């Protein structure tokens, strides 16, 4: 019987994001009056995500300046500033993940959630979704969707950093 319940919960966890209307990246999930404790996490997440997005915008401006710069010393200075800001931003994103805002890998008893066990599959993630109501599932999905976009932008910045480091401007 437990397997059947787990199957139903897994199916719901997969279908809810599909059935929910698509939200734009800046939309917050609609919170019901009986919204669960994750609502506070969404607000904290949004504040931290805004800081990360601001840093990503600054990094892109630095890359734009770097493309225009012809002086090797100025290019080197911009690359170093970009790298510092990138590392700072990665730390902010890592902290969001570690704090459990995204719904995974929160530290419990001083260790990582997945230590000693599988990192993928329903059994590894069950604790992150098993006891959540549909509203909480939507909030969790919203945060993960936003986080994935930030990860993508960070990877783009890393690539630009590598390309500009390897190709000196003449």
N, C-alpha and C. Protein backbone atom coordinates (compact mmCIF):
# COMPACT_ATOMS: atom_id res chain seq x y z
N UNK A 1 0.82 -1.20 0.00
CA UNK A 1 0.00 0.00 0.00
C UNK A 1 0.87 1.27 0.00
N UNK A 2 1.99 1.23 0.72
CA UNK A 2 2.87 2.41 0.76
C UNK A 2 3.43 2.71 -0.63
N UNK A 3 3.73 1.69 -1.38
CA UNK A 3 4.27 1.89 -2.72
C UNK A 3 3.23 2.58 -3.59
N UNK A 4 1.98 2.20 -3.42
CA UNK A 4 0.91 2.81 -4.21
C UNK A 4 0.79 4.31 -3.87
N UNK A 5 0.83 4.64 -2.58
CA UNK A 5 0.75 6.05 -2.17
C UNK A 5 1.95 6.83 -2.72
N UNK A 6 3.13 6.22 -2.64
CA UNK A 6 4.32 6.89 -3.15
C UNK A 6 4.20 7.12 -4.65
N UNK A 7 3.61 6.16 -5.36
CA UNK A 7 3.42 6.31 -6.80
C UNK A 7 2.48 7.45 -7.12
N UNK A 8 1.40 7.58 -6.34
CA UNK A 8 0.45 8.67 -6.55
C UNK A 8 1.11 10.01 -6.28
N UNK A 9 1.88 10.09 -5.20
CA UNK A 9 2.57 11.35 -4.87
C UNK A 9 3.59 11.69 -5.95
N UNK A 10 4.31 10.69 -6.44
CA UNK A 10 5.29 10.92 -7.50
C UNK A 10 4.60 11.42 -8.77
N UNK A 11 3.48 10.82 -9.11
CA UNK A 11 2.74 11.24 -10.29
C UNK A 11 2.26 12.69 -10.14
N UNK A 12 1.74 13.01 -8.94
CA UNK A 12 1.30 14.39 -8.70
C UNK A 12 2.46 15.37 -8.79
N UNK A 13 3.60 14.98 -8.23
CA UNK A 13 4.77 15.86 -8.27
C UNK A 13 5.20 16.13 -9.71
N UNK A 14 5.02 15.17 -10.58
CA UNK A 14 5.38 15.36 -11.98
C UNK A 14 4.33 16.15 -12.75
N UNK A 15 3.06 15.96 -12.42
CA UNK A 15 1.99 16.59 -13.18
C UNK A 15 1.68 18.02 -12.75
N UNK A 16 1.88 18.35 -11.51
CA UNK A 16 1.53 19.68 -11.03
C UNK A 16 2.26 20.78 -11.80
N UNK A 17 3.59 20.68 -11.99
CA UNK A 17 4.23 21.75 -12.76
C UNK A 17 3.74 21.82 -14.21
N UNK A 18 3.33 20.69 -14.77
CA UNK A 18 2.85 20.67 -16.14
C UNK A 18 1.47 21.31 -16.22
N UNK A 19 0.62 21.03 -15.25
CA UNK A 19 -0.74 21.54 -15.27
C UNK A 19 -0.82 22.99 -14.81
N UNK A 20 0.15 23.42 -14.05
CA UNK A 20 0.14 24.81 -13.56
C UNK A 20 0.44 25.74 -14.73
N UNK A 21 -0.19 26.92 -14.75
CA UNK A 21 0.09 27.86 -15.84
C UNK A 21 1.54 28.33 -15.77
N UNK A 22 2.11 28.53 -16.93
CA UNK A 22 3.50 28.98 -17.00
C UNK A 22 3.62 30.38 -16.42
N UNK A 23 4.63 30.56 -15.58
CA UNK A 23 4.86 31.87 -14.95
C UNK A 23 6.06 32.52 -15.61
N UNK A 24 6.00 33.80 -15.75
CA UNK A 24 7.17 34.50 -16.27
C UNK A 24 8.23 34.52 -15.19
N UNK A 25 9.51 34.70 -15.54
CA UNK A 25 10.59 34.63 -14.55
C UNK A 25 10.42 35.61 -13.40
N UNK A 26 9.70 36.68 -13.59
CA UNK A 26 9.56 37.65 -12.51
C UNK A 26 8.29 37.45 -11.70
N UNK A 27 7.40 36.54 -12.16
CA UNK A 27 6.17 36.30 -11.41
C UNK A 27 6.45 35.48 -10.17
N UNK A 28 5.79 35.84 -9.09
CA UNK A 28 5.86 35.04 -7.88
C UNK A 28 4.69 34.07 -7.93
N UNK A 29 4.82 32.90 -7.29
CA UNK A 29 3.70 31.98 -7.28
C UNK A 29 2.55 32.57 -6.48
N UNK A 30 1.34 32.24 -6.90
CA UNK A 30 0.16 32.71 -6.16
C UNK A 30 0.09 31.95 -4.85
N UNK A 31 0.05 32.66 -3.75
CA UNK A 31 0.04 32.03 -2.44
C UNK A 31 -1.37 32.00 -1.88
N UNK A 32 -1.78 30.83 -1.43
CA UNK A 32 -3.10 30.69 -0.84
C UNK A 32 -3.04 31.10 0.63
N UNK A 33 -4.19 31.41 1.23
CA UNK A 33 -4.18 31.83 2.63
C UNK A 33 -3.61 30.75 3.55
N UNK A 34 -3.84 29.48 3.20
CA UNK A 34 -3.32 28.41 4.04
C UNK A 34 -1.96 27.94 3.58
N UNK A 35 -1.23 28.83 2.89
CA UNK A 35 0.09 28.47 2.37
C UNK A 35 0.99 28.01 3.51
N UNK A 36 1.80 27.04 3.18
CA UNK A 36 2.66 26.40 4.16
C UNK A 36 3.92 27.21 4.41
N UNK A 37 4.77 26.75 5.29
CA UNK A 37 5.96 27.51 5.67
C UNK A 37 6.92 27.83 4.54
N UNK A 38 6.77 27.21 3.39
CA UNK A 38 7.68 27.52 2.30
C UNK A 38 7.50 28.94 1.80
N UNK A 39 6.38 29.58 2.06
CA UNK A 39 6.14 30.95 1.59
C UNK A 39 7.25 31.89 2.04
N UNK A 40 7.68 31.74 3.27
CA UNK A 40 8.79 32.56 3.76
C UNK A 40 10.05 32.27 2.96
N UNK A 41 10.25 30.98 2.62
CA UNK A 41 11.41 30.62 1.83
C UNK A 41 11.37 31.28 0.46
N UNK A 42 10.19 31.38 -0.13
CA UNK A 42 10.07 32.01 -1.45
C UNK A 42 10.46 33.48 -1.36
N UNK A 43 10.02 34.16 -0.31
CA UNK A 43 10.39 35.57 -0.14
C UNK A 43 11.88 35.73 0.05
N UNK A 44 12.48 34.88 0.89
CA UNK A 44 13.93 34.94 1.10
C UNK A 44 14.66 34.61 -0.21
N UNK A 45 14.15 33.60 -0.90
CA UNK A 45 14.75 33.20 -2.17
C UNK A 45 14.72 34.36 -3.15
N UNK A 46 13.56 35.02 -3.27
CA UNK A 46 13.43 36.13 -4.21
C UNK A 46 14.41 37.26 -3.89
N UNK A 47 14.62 37.53 -2.60
CA UNK A 47 15.58 38.58 -2.21
C UNK A 47 16.99 38.19 -2.62
N UNK A 48 17.37 36.96 -2.32
CA UNK A 48 18.72 36.51 -2.68
C UNK A 48 18.87 36.41 -4.20
N UNK A 49 17.82 35.93 -4.86
CA UNK A 49 17.88 35.80 -6.32
C UNK A 49 18.05 37.17 -6.97
N UNK A 50 17.42 38.19 -6.42
CA UNK A 50 17.56 39.55 -6.96
C UNK A 50 19.02 39.99 -6.85
N UNK A 51 19.67 39.68 -5.74
CA UNK A 51 21.09 40.02 -5.58
C UNK A 51 21.95 39.28 -6.61
N UNK A 52 21.64 38.01 -6.83
CA UNK A 52 22.40 37.22 -7.80
C UNK A 52 22.20 37.80 -9.20
N UNK A 53 20.95 38.10 -9.55
CA UNK A 53 20.67 38.67 -10.87
C UNK A 53 21.38 40.01 -11.07
N UNK A 54 21.43 40.81 -10.01
CA UNK A 54 22.14 42.10 -10.09
C UNK A 54 23.61 41.86 -10.39
N UNK A 55 24.22 40.89 -9.72
CA UNK A 55 25.62 40.57 -9.98
C UNK A 55 25.81 40.05 -11.40
N UNK A 56 24.87 39.25 -11.88
CA UNK A 56 24.97 38.74 -13.24
C UNK A 56 24.91 39.88 -14.26
N UNK A 57 24.08 40.87 -13.98
CA UNK A 57 24.01 42.06 -14.85
C UNK A 57 25.33 42.82 -14.82
N UNK A 58 25.91 42.97 -13.64
CA UNK A 58 27.21 43.66 -13.53
C UNK A 58 28.28 42.91 -14.30
N UNK A 59 28.25 41.57 -14.20
CA UNK A 59 29.24 40.77 -14.93
C UNK A 59 29.09 40.95 -16.43
N UNK A 60 27.86 41.01 -16.90
CA UNK A 60 27.65 41.21 -18.33
C UNK A 60 28.14 42.58 -18.78
N UNK A 61 27.93 43.60 -17.95
CA UNK A 61 28.44 44.94 -18.27
C UNK A 61 29.97 44.93 -18.32
N UNK A 62 30.58 44.19 -17.40
CA UNK A 62 32.04 44.09 -17.41
C UNK A 62 32.52 43.42 -18.71
N UNK A 63 31.80 42.40 -19.13
CA UNK A 63 32.17 41.73 -20.39
C UNK A 63 31.99 42.67 -21.57
N UNK A 64 30.95 43.47 -21.56
CA UNK A 64 30.74 44.44 -22.64
C UNK A 64 31.88 45.45 -22.68
N UNK A 65 32.31 45.92 -21.50
CA UNK A 65 33.44 46.85 -21.43
C UNK A 65 34.72 46.18 -21.91
N UNK A 66 34.87 44.92 -21.55
CA UNK A 66 36.05 44.16 -21.95
C UNK A 66 36.14 44.04 -23.47
N UNK A 67 35.00 43.84 -24.12
CA UNK A 67 34.98 43.73 -25.58
C UNK A 67 35.44 45.03 -26.24
N UNK A 68 35.15 46.16 -25.60
CA UNK A 68 35.52 47.46 -26.16
C UNK A 68 36.96 47.86 -25.83
N UNK A 69 37.51 47.29 -24.77
CA UNK A 69 38.85 47.68 -24.30
C UNK A 69 39.93 47.15 -25.24
N UNK A 70 40.93 47.99 -25.49
CA UNK A 70 42.05 47.56 -26.34
C UNK A 70 43.37 47.52 -25.55
N UNK A 71 43.42 48.22 -24.43
CA UNK A 71 44.61 48.24 -23.60
C UNK A 71 44.71 46.92 -22.82
N UNK A 72 45.84 46.18 -22.98
CA UNK A 72 45.98 44.89 -22.29
C UNK A 72 45.87 45.00 -20.76
N UNK A 73 46.38 46.08 -20.19
CA UNK A 73 46.30 46.25 -18.73
C UNK A 73 44.85 46.45 -18.29
N UNK A 74 44.11 47.23 -19.06
CA UNK A 74 42.70 47.46 -18.74
C UNK A 74 41.90 46.16 -18.89
N UNK A 75 42.21 45.40 -19.95
CA UNK A 75 41.52 44.12 -20.15
C UNK A 75 41.80 43.17 -18.99
N UNK A 76 43.06 43.13 -18.55
CA UNK A 76 43.43 42.25 -17.44
C UNK A 76 42.70 42.67 -16.16
N UNK A 77 42.62 43.97 -15.92
CA UNK A 77 41.92 44.50 -14.75
C UNK A 77 40.44 44.10 -14.79
N UNK A 78 39.82 44.26 -15.95
CA UNK A 78 38.40 43.90 -16.09
C UNK A 78 38.19 42.39 -15.91
N UNK A 79 39.10 41.59 -16.43
CA UNK A 79 38.99 40.14 -16.26
C UNK A 79 39.09 39.74 -14.79
N UNK A 80 40.01 40.38 -14.06
CA UNK A 80 40.15 40.08 -12.64
C UNK A 80 38.91 40.50 -11.84
N UNK A 81 38.38 41.69 -12.15
CA UNK A 81 37.17 42.15 -11.48
C UNK A 81 35.99 41.22 -11.78
N UNK A 82 35.92 40.78 -13.03
CA UNK A 82 34.85 39.87 -13.44
C UNK A 82 34.97 38.55 -12.68
N UNK A 83 36.19 38.04 -12.60
CA UNK A 83 36.40 36.77 -11.90
C UNK A 83 36.02 36.87 -10.43
N UNK A 84 36.39 37.98 -9.78
CA UNK A 84 36.03 38.19 -8.37
C UNK A 84 34.51 38.21 -8.19
N UNK A 85 33.84 38.96 -9.04
CA UNK A 85 32.39 39.06 -8.95
C UNK A 85 31.74 37.72 -9.25
N UNK A 86 32.29 36.99 -10.20
CA UNK A 86 31.76 35.68 -10.54
C UNK A 86 31.90 34.71 -9.36
N UNK A 87 33.05 34.70 -8.72
CA UNK A 87 33.25 33.82 -7.57
C UNK A 87 32.32 34.20 -6.41
N UNK A 88 32.14 35.49 -6.19
CA UNK A 88 31.23 35.96 -5.15
C UNK A 88 29.80 35.50 -5.45
N UNK A 89 29.40 35.63 -6.70
CA UNK A 89 28.05 35.24 -7.09
C UNK A 89 27.86 33.73 -6.99
N UNK A 90 28.88 32.98 -7.36
CA UNK A 90 28.78 31.52 -7.21
C UNK A 90 28.63 31.14 -5.75
N UNK A 91 29.31 31.84 -4.87
CA UNK A 91 29.16 31.59 -3.45
C UNK A 91 27.74 31.88 -2.97
N UNK A 92 27.15 32.96 -3.48
CA UNK A 92 25.77 33.29 -3.12
C UNK A 92 24.82 32.19 -3.58
N UNK A 93 25.03 31.69 -4.80
CA UNK A 93 24.17 30.65 -5.34
C UNK A 93 24.36 29.34 -4.57
N UNK A 94 25.59 29.03 -4.24
CA UNK A 94 25.88 27.82 -3.46
C UNK A 94 25.19 27.90 -2.11
N UNK A 95 25.23 29.07 -1.49
CA UNK A 95 24.59 29.24 -0.18
C UNK A 95 23.07 29.05 -0.27
N UNK A 96 22.47 29.51 -1.37
CA UNK A 96 21.04 29.31 -1.56
C UNK A 96 20.73 27.81 -1.60
N UNK A 97 21.58 27.06 -2.25
CA UNK A 97 21.39 25.62 -2.37
C UNK A 97 21.59 24.94 -1.02
N UNK A 98 22.68 25.30 -0.33
CA UNK A 98 22.99 24.68 0.96
C UNK A 98 21.93 25.00 2.00
N UNK A 99 21.41 26.22 1.98
CA UNK A 99 20.38 26.61 2.95
C UNK A 99 19.07 25.88 2.72
N UNK A 100 18.97 25.14 1.63
CA UNK A 100 17.77 24.36 1.38
C UNK A 100 16.66 25.14 0.72
N UNK A 101 16.95 26.35 0.25
CA UNK A 101 15.90 27.15 -0.39
C UNK A 101 15.38 26.49 -1.65
N UNK A 102 16.22 25.75 -2.32
CA UNK A 102 15.84 25.13 -3.57
C UNK A 102 15.16 23.80 -3.31
N UNK A 103 15.28 23.29 -2.11
CA UNK A 103 14.60 22.05 -1.78
C UNK A 103 15.49 20.84 -1.85
N UNK A 104 16.78 21.04 -1.88
CA UNK A 104 17.67 19.91 -1.97
C UNK A 104 18.93 20.20 -1.17
N UNK A 105 19.50 19.15 -0.70
CA UNK A 105 20.85 19.19 -0.14
C UNK A 105 20.98 20.08 1.09
N UNK A 106 19.90 20.30 1.81
CA UNK A 106 20.01 21.06 3.04
C UNK A 106 20.85 20.26 4.02
N UNK A 107 21.60 20.95 4.81
CA UNK A 107 22.44 20.26 5.76
C UNK A 107 21.60 19.82 6.96
N UNK A 108 21.74 18.56 7.28
CA UNK A 108 21.05 18.00 8.43
C UNK A 108 22.10 17.35 9.31
N UNK A 109 22.06 17.61 10.59
CA UNK A 109 23.01 17.03 11.54
C UNK A 109 24.45 17.28 11.11
N UNK A 110 24.71 18.45 10.54
CA UNK A 110 26.07 18.83 10.20
C UNK A 110 26.58 18.25 8.89
N UNK A 111 25.77 17.47 8.19
CA UNK A 111 26.25 16.86 6.95
C UNK A 111 25.30 17.13 5.81
N UNK A 112 25.72 16.79 4.63
CA UNK A 112 24.87 17.00 3.46
C UNK A 112 23.78 15.94 3.41
N UNK A 113 22.67 16.30 2.86
CA UNK A 113 21.49 15.45 2.77
C UNK A 113 21.78 14.14 2.06
N UNK A 114 22.58 14.16 1.02
CA UNK A 114 22.80 12.98 0.21
C UNK A 114 24.00 12.15 0.64
N UNK A 115 24.69 12.52 1.68
CA UNK A 115 25.90 11.80 2.04
C UNK A 115 25.59 10.33 2.29
N UNK A 116 26.34 9.47 1.66
CA UNK A 116 26.20 8.05 1.89
C UNK A 116 25.07 7.40 1.12
N UNK A 117 24.35 8.15 0.32
CA UNK A 117 23.23 7.57 -0.41
C UNK A 117 23.21 8.06 -1.85
N UNK A 118 22.26 7.55 -2.61
CA UNK A 118 22.18 7.96 -4.00
C UNK A 118 21.79 9.42 -4.12
N UNK A 119 22.23 10.06 -5.19
CA UNK A 119 21.93 11.47 -5.38
C UNK A 119 20.78 11.69 -6.34
N UNK A 120 20.35 10.65 -7.02
CA UNK A 120 19.30 10.83 -8.00
C UNK A 120 18.19 9.81 -7.76
N UNK A 121 17.05 10.06 -8.36
CA UNK A 121 15.94 9.12 -8.26
C UNK A 121 14.98 9.51 -7.15
N UNK A 122 13.83 8.86 -7.16
CA UNK A 122 12.77 9.20 -6.22
C UNK A 122 13.20 8.98 -4.78
N UNK A 123 13.92 7.90 -4.50
CA UNK A 123 14.29 7.61 -3.11
C UNK A 123 15.17 8.70 -2.52
N UNK A 124 16.02 9.30 -3.33
CA UNK A 124 16.88 10.37 -2.84
C UNK A 124 16.10 11.66 -2.64
N UNK A 125 15.10 11.91 -3.47
CA UNK A 125 14.37 13.17 -3.44
C UNK A 125 13.05 13.09 -2.66
N UNK A 126 12.64 11.90 -2.26
CA UNK A 126 11.34 11.70 -1.63
C UNK A 126 11.12 12.66 -0.46
N UNK A 127 12.11 12.82 0.37
CA UNK A 127 11.96 13.69 1.54
C UNK A 127 11.74 15.15 1.17
N UNK A 128 12.13 15.54 -0.03
CA UNK A 128 11.96 16.92 -0.46
C UNK A 128 10.55 17.21 -0.95
N UNK A 129 9.79 16.18 -1.29
CA UNK A 129 8.47 16.39 -1.88
C UNK A 129 7.35 15.62 -1.20
N UNK A 130 7.66 14.61 -0.47
CA UNK A 130 6.68 13.66 0.05
C UNK A 130 5.57 14.31 0.85
N UNK A 131 5.90 15.22 1.74
CA UNK A 131 4.90 15.80 2.64
C UNK A 131 4.42 17.18 2.19
N UNK A 132 4.68 17.56 0.96
CA UNK A 132 4.30 18.88 0.50
C UNK A 132 2.91 18.87 -0.13
N UNK A 133 2.17 19.95 0.10
CA UNK A 133 0.87 20.09 -0.56
C UNK A 133 1.10 20.70 -1.95
N UNK A 134 0.08 20.76 -2.80
CA UNK A 134 0.27 21.29 -4.16
C UNK A 134 0.84 22.71 -4.19
N UNK A 135 0.42 23.56 -3.27
CA UNK A 135 0.94 24.93 -3.24
C UNK A 135 2.44 24.93 -2.95
N UNK A 136 2.84 24.11 -2.00
CA UNK A 136 4.26 24.01 -1.66
C UNK A 136 5.06 23.46 -2.84
N UNK A 137 4.48 22.50 -3.55
CA UNK A 137 5.16 21.95 -4.72
C UNK A 137 5.36 23.02 -5.79
N UNK A 138 4.35 23.87 -5.99
CA UNK A 138 4.48 24.96 -6.97
C UNK A 138 5.57 25.93 -6.54
N UNK A 139 5.62 26.25 -5.25
CA UNK A 139 6.66 27.17 -4.75
C UNK A 139 8.04 26.57 -4.97
N UNK A 140 8.19 25.30 -4.65
CA UNK A 140 9.47 24.62 -4.81
C UNK A 140 9.88 24.62 -6.29
N UNK A 141 8.92 24.34 -7.17
CA UNK A 141 9.21 24.33 -8.60
C UNK A 141 9.58 25.73 -9.09
N UNK A 142 8.89 26.74 -8.60
CA UNK A 142 9.19 28.14 -8.96
C UNK A 142 10.64 28.46 -8.61
N UNK A 143 11.06 28.11 -7.40
CA UNK A 143 12.43 28.41 -6.98
C UNK A 143 13.44 27.66 -7.83
N UNK A 144 13.16 26.40 -8.13
CA UNK A 144 14.10 25.63 -8.95
C UNK A 144 14.19 26.20 -10.36
N UNK A 145 13.04 26.59 -10.92
CA UNK A 145 13.06 27.17 -12.26
C UNK A 145 13.90 28.44 -12.30
N UNK A 146 13.73 29.30 -11.30
CA UNK A 146 14.50 30.54 -11.24
C UNK A 146 15.98 30.24 -11.08
N UNK A 147 16.30 29.28 -10.24
CA UNK A 147 17.69 28.91 -9.97
C UNK A 147 18.36 28.38 -11.24
N UNK A 148 17.62 27.57 -12.00
CA UNK A 148 18.18 27.02 -13.24
C UNK A 148 18.53 28.14 -14.22
N UNK A 149 17.69 29.15 -14.31
CA UNK A 149 18.00 30.29 -15.17
C UNK A 149 19.25 31.01 -14.73
N UNK A 150 19.41 31.17 -13.41
CA UNK A 150 20.62 31.83 -12.90
C UNK A 150 21.85 30.98 -13.19
N UNK A 151 21.71 29.65 -13.07
CA UNK A 151 22.84 28.77 -13.38
C UNK A 151 23.24 28.90 -14.84
N UNK A 152 22.26 28.97 -15.71
CA UNK A 152 22.54 29.11 -17.14
C UNK A 152 23.31 30.40 -17.42
N UNK A 153 22.87 31.50 -16.82
CA UNK A 153 23.55 32.78 -17.03
C UNK A 153 24.98 32.74 -16.46
N UNK A 154 25.15 32.05 -15.34
CA UNK A 154 26.48 31.92 -14.75
C UNK A 154 27.40 31.13 -15.68
N UNK A 155 26.89 30.08 -16.28
CA UNK A 155 27.70 29.29 -17.20
C UNK A 155 28.09 30.13 -18.42
N UNK A 156 27.17 30.97 -18.90
CA UNK A 156 27.49 31.86 -20.01
C UNK A 156 28.62 32.82 -19.63
N UNK A 157 28.58 33.33 -18.40
CA UNK A 157 29.63 34.23 -17.94
C UNK A 157 30.97 33.50 -17.85
N UNK A 158 30.95 32.25 -17.39
CA UNK A 158 32.18 31.46 -17.32
C UNK A 158 32.78 31.27 -18.71
N UNK A 159 31.92 30.98 -19.66
CA UNK A 159 32.39 30.79 -21.03
C UNK A 159 32.98 32.09 -21.58
N UNK A 160 32.29 33.20 -21.36
CA UNK A 160 32.81 34.49 -21.83
C UNK A 160 34.15 34.80 -21.16
N UNK A 161 34.28 34.48 -19.88
CA UNK A 161 35.53 34.69 -19.15
C UNK A 161 36.65 33.91 -19.83
N UNK A 162 36.40 32.65 -20.16
CA UNK A 162 37.43 31.81 -20.78
C UNK A 162 37.78 32.29 -22.18
N UNK A 163 36.78 32.67 -22.95
CA UNK A 163 37.03 33.14 -24.31
C UNK A 163 37.85 34.42 -24.29
N UNK A 164 37.49 35.35 -23.43
CA UNK A 164 38.20 36.63 -23.37
C UNK A 164 39.58 36.50 -22.75
N UNK A 165 39.78 35.51 -21.91
CA UNK A 165 41.09 35.29 -21.31
C UNK A 165 42.04 34.69 -22.35
N UNK A 166 41.49 33.87 -23.22
CA UNK A 166 42.33 33.16 -24.19
C UNK A 166 42.64 34.01 -25.43
N UNK A 167 41.78 34.96 -25.75
CA UNK A 167 41.96 35.75 -26.97
C UNK A 167 42.31 37.19 -26.61
N UNK A 168 43.59 37.54 -26.68
CA UNK A 168 43.96 38.94 -26.40
C UNK A 168 43.48 39.86 -27.51
N UNK A 169 43.04 41.03 -27.13
CA UNK A 169 42.57 42.04 -28.09
C UNK A 169 43.79 42.71 -28.71
N UNK A 170 43.74 42.91 -30.01
CA UNK A 170 44.89 43.55 -30.70
C UNK A 170 44.70 45.02 -30.85
